[in-house]
Amino acid sequence: MSFNFDRRTFLKGAGAVGAASLLAACGEKSNNTGNGAAASGAAAPNSTGATPPEGVHLL
């Protein structure tokens, strides 16, 4: 089976791939649910109750 790719077919395919990647990038949702408190230096609450392992020092 032989495929005949000409310039027009290539540009159609490249346009379709570009449009799909653009839509995929625009559809991503951010996992950043913070309100900027951590960036301002305020400590974030520990909602899980987990403690760090022995020897790990968090600043």
N, C-alpha and C. Protein backbone atom coordinates (compact mmCIF):
# COMPACT_ATOMS: atom_id res chain seq x y z
N MET A 1 0.85 -1.17 0.00
CA MET A 1 0.00 0.00 0.00
C MET A 1 0.90 1.24 0.00
N SER A 2 0.61 2.14 -0.87
CA SER A 2 1.44 3.33 -1.02
C SER A 2 0.63 4.58 -0.72
N PHE A 3 1.23 5.48 0.06
CA PHE A 3 0.58 6.76 0.37
C PHE A 3 1.28 7.86 -0.41
N ASN A 4 0.49 8.72 -1.02
CA ASN A 4 1.04 9.82 -1.79
C ASN A 4 0.88 11.09 -0.97
N PHE A 5 1.97 11.56 -0.38
CA PHE A 5 1.94 12.78 0.41
C PHE A 5 2.43 13.94 -0.43
N ASP A 6 1.56 14.87 -0.64
CA ASP A 6 1.99 16.09 -1.29
C ASP A 6 2.01 17.21 -0.26
N ARG A 7 2.36 18.38 -0.70
CA ARG A 7 2.50 19.52 0.22
C ARG A 7 1.18 19.86 0.91
N ARG A 8 0.09 19.80 0.19
CA ARG A 8 -1.22 20.13 0.74
C ARG A 8 -1.63 19.13 1.83
N THR A 9 -1.40 17.85 1.59
CA THR A 9 -1.72 16.82 2.58
C THR A 9 -0.88 17.00 3.84
N PHE A 10 0.40 17.30 3.66
CA PHE A 10 1.28 17.52 4.81
C PHE A 10 0.82 18.72 5.63
N LEU A 11 0.46 19.81 4.96
CA LEU A 11 0.03 21.00 5.69
C LEU A 11 -1.30 20.78 6.41
N LYS A 12 -2.19 20.02 5.83
CA LYS A 12 -3.45 19.68 6.50
C LYS A 12 -3.18 18.88 7.78
N GLY A 13 -2.29 17.90 7.67
CA GLY A 13 -1.95 17.08 8.84
C GLY A 13 -1.25 17.89 9.91
N ALA A 14 -0.33 18.77 9.49
CA ALA A 14 0.39 19.60 10.46
C ALA A 14 -0.57 20.56 11.15
N GLY A 15 -1.53 21.09 10.42
CA GLY A 15 -2.53 21.97 11.01
C GLY A 15 -3.42 21.24 12.01
N ALA A 16 -3.78 20.02 11.69
CA ALA A 16 -4.62 19.23 12.59
C ALA A 16 -3.87 18.90 13.88
N VAL A 17 -2.60 18.53 13.75
CA VAL A 17 -1.79 18.23 14.94
C VAL A 17 -1.59 19.49 15.78
N GLY A 18 -1.34 20.61 15.14
CA GLY A 18 -1.16 21.87 15.87
C GLY A 18 -2.42 22.29 16.59
N ALA A 19 -3.58 22.14 15.94
CA ALA A 19 -4.85 22.50 16.57
C ALA A 19 -5.15 21.58 17.75
N ALA A 20 -4.86 20.30 17.61
CA ALA A 20 -5.11 19.36 18.70
C ALA A 20 -4.21 19.66 19.89
N SER A 21 -2.96 19.99 19.64
CA SER A 21 -2.05 20.29 20.76
C SER A 21 -2.44 21.60 21.43
N LEU A 22 -2.92 22.56 20.66
CA LEU A 22 -3.36 23.82 21.24
C LEU A 22 -4.58 23.60 22.13
N LEU A 23 -5.53 22.81 21.66
CA LEU A 23 -6.72 22.52 22.46
C LEU A 23 -6.37 21.73 23.72
N ALA A 24 -5.42 20.82 23.61
CA ALA A 24 -5.01 20.03 24.77
C ALA A 24 -4.33 20.93 25.81
N ALA A 25 -3.53 21.87 25.36
CA ALA A 25 -2.84 22.76 26.29
C ALA A 25 -3.81 23.72 26.96
N CYS A 26 -4.82 24.15 26.26
CA CYS A 26 -5.79 25.08 26.83
C CYS A 26 -6.75 24.38 27.78
N GLY A 27 -6.89 23.07 27.64
CA GLY A 27 -7.83 22.33 28.46
C GLY A 27 -7.27 21.87 29.78
N GLU A 28 -5.97 22.04 30.03
CA GLU A 28 -5.38 21.57 31.28
C GLU A 28 -5.84 22.44 32.44
N LYS A 29 -6.07 21.79 33.58
CA LYS A 29 -6.47 22.53 34.77
C LYS A 29 -5.30 22.54 35.74
N SER A 30 -5.16 23.63 36.43
CA SER A 30 -4.09 23.80 37.39
C SER A 30 -4.46 23.13 38.70
N ASN A 31 -3.48 22.49 39.34
CA ASN A 31 -3.69 21.89 40.66
C ASN A 31 -3.38 22.88 41.76
N ASN A 32 -3.05 24.11 41.41
CA ASN A 32 -2.71 25.12 42.39
C ASN A 32 -4.00 25.70 42.97
N THR A 33 -4.37 25.20 44.16
CA THR A 33 -5.60 25.67 44.79
C THR A 33 -5.31 26.66 45.91
N GLY A 34 -4.04 26.98 46.12
CA GLY A 34 -3.67 27.92 47.18
C GLY A 34 -4.04 29.34 46.81
N ASN A 35 -4.10 30.18 47.83
CA ASN A 35 -4.45 31.58 47.58
C ASN A 35 -3.23 32.49 47.63
N GLY A 36 -2.05 31.91 47.51
CA GLY A 36 -0.84 32.71 47.51
C GLY A 36 -0.24 32.89 48.90
N ALA A 37 -0.81 32.28 49.92
CA ALA A 37 -0.30 32.45 51.28
C ALA A 37 1.09 31.84 51.42
N ALA A 38 1.32 30.71 50.76
CA ALA A 38 2.63 30.07 50.86
C ALA A 38 3.69 30.92 50.17
N ALA A 39 3.32 31.61 49.11
CA ALA A 39 4.28 32.44 48.40
C ALA A 39 4.61 33.70 49.20
N SER A 40 3.70 34.12 50.07
CA SER A 40 3.95 35.34 50.82
C SER A 40 4.73 35.08 52.10
N GLY A 41 5.01 33.83 52.41
CA GLY A 41 5.79 33.51 53.58
C GLY A 41 4.97 32.95 54.73
N ALA A 42 3.66 32.94 54.62
CA ALA A 42 2.83 32.37 55.67
C ALA A 42 2.90 30.85 55.59
N ALA A 43 2.85 30.20 56.73
CA ALA A 43 2.94 28.75 56.77
C ALA A 43 1.62 28.13 56.31
N ALA A 44 1.75 27.09 55.50
CA ALA A 44 0.56 26.37 55.04
C ALA A 44 0.13 25.38 56.12
N PRO A 45 -1.15 25.19 56.32
CA PRO A 45 -1.61 24.24 57.34
C PRO A 45 -1.34 22.81 56.91
N ASN A 46 -1.09 21.95 57.87
CA ASN A 46 -0.88 20.54 57.61
C ASN A 46 -2.22 19.84 57.74
N SER A 47 -2.90 19.66 56.62
CA SER A 47 -4.24 19.09 56.66
C SER A 47 -4.22 17.57 56.73
N THR A 48 -3.07 16.92 56.46
CA THR A 48 -3.02 15.47 56.46
C THR A 48 -2.66 14.91 57.83
N GLY A 49 -2.06 15.71 58.69
CA GLY A 49 -1.65 15.23 60.00
C GLY A 49 -0.35 14.44 59.96
N ALA A 50 0.26 14.32 58.80
CA ALA A 50 1.49 13.55 58.66
C ALA A 50 2.67 14.35 59.21
N THR A 51 3.62 13.65 59.77
CA THR A 51 4.84 14.29 60.25
C THR A 51 5.99 13.85 59.35
N PRO A 52 6.99 14.71 59.16
CA PRO A 52 8.12 14.33 58.31
C PRO A 52 8.96 13.23 58.96
N PRO A 53 9.67 12.44 58.17
CA PRO A 53 10.53 11.39 58.74
C PRO A 53 11.61 11.99 59.63
N GLU A 54 12.15 11.15 60.50
CA GLU A 54 13.20 11.56 61.42
C GLU A 54 14.40 12.05 60.62
N GLY A 55 14.95 13.18 60.97
CA GLY A 55 16.12 13.72 60.31
C GLY A 55 15.80 14.68 59.18
N VAL A 56 14.52 14.83 58.83
CA VAL A 56 14.13 15.76 57.77
C VAL A 56 13.72 17.06 58.43
N HIS A 57 14.36 18.15 58.05
CA HIS A 57 14.06 19.44 58.65
C HIS A 57 13.40 20.32 57.61
N LEU A 58 12.21 20.76 57.90
CA LEU A 58 11.50 21.65 57.01
C LEU A 58 11.69 23.08 57.49
N LEU A 59 11.99 23.96 56.58
CA LEU A 59 12.23 25.35 56.95
C LEU A 59 10.95 26.11 57.10
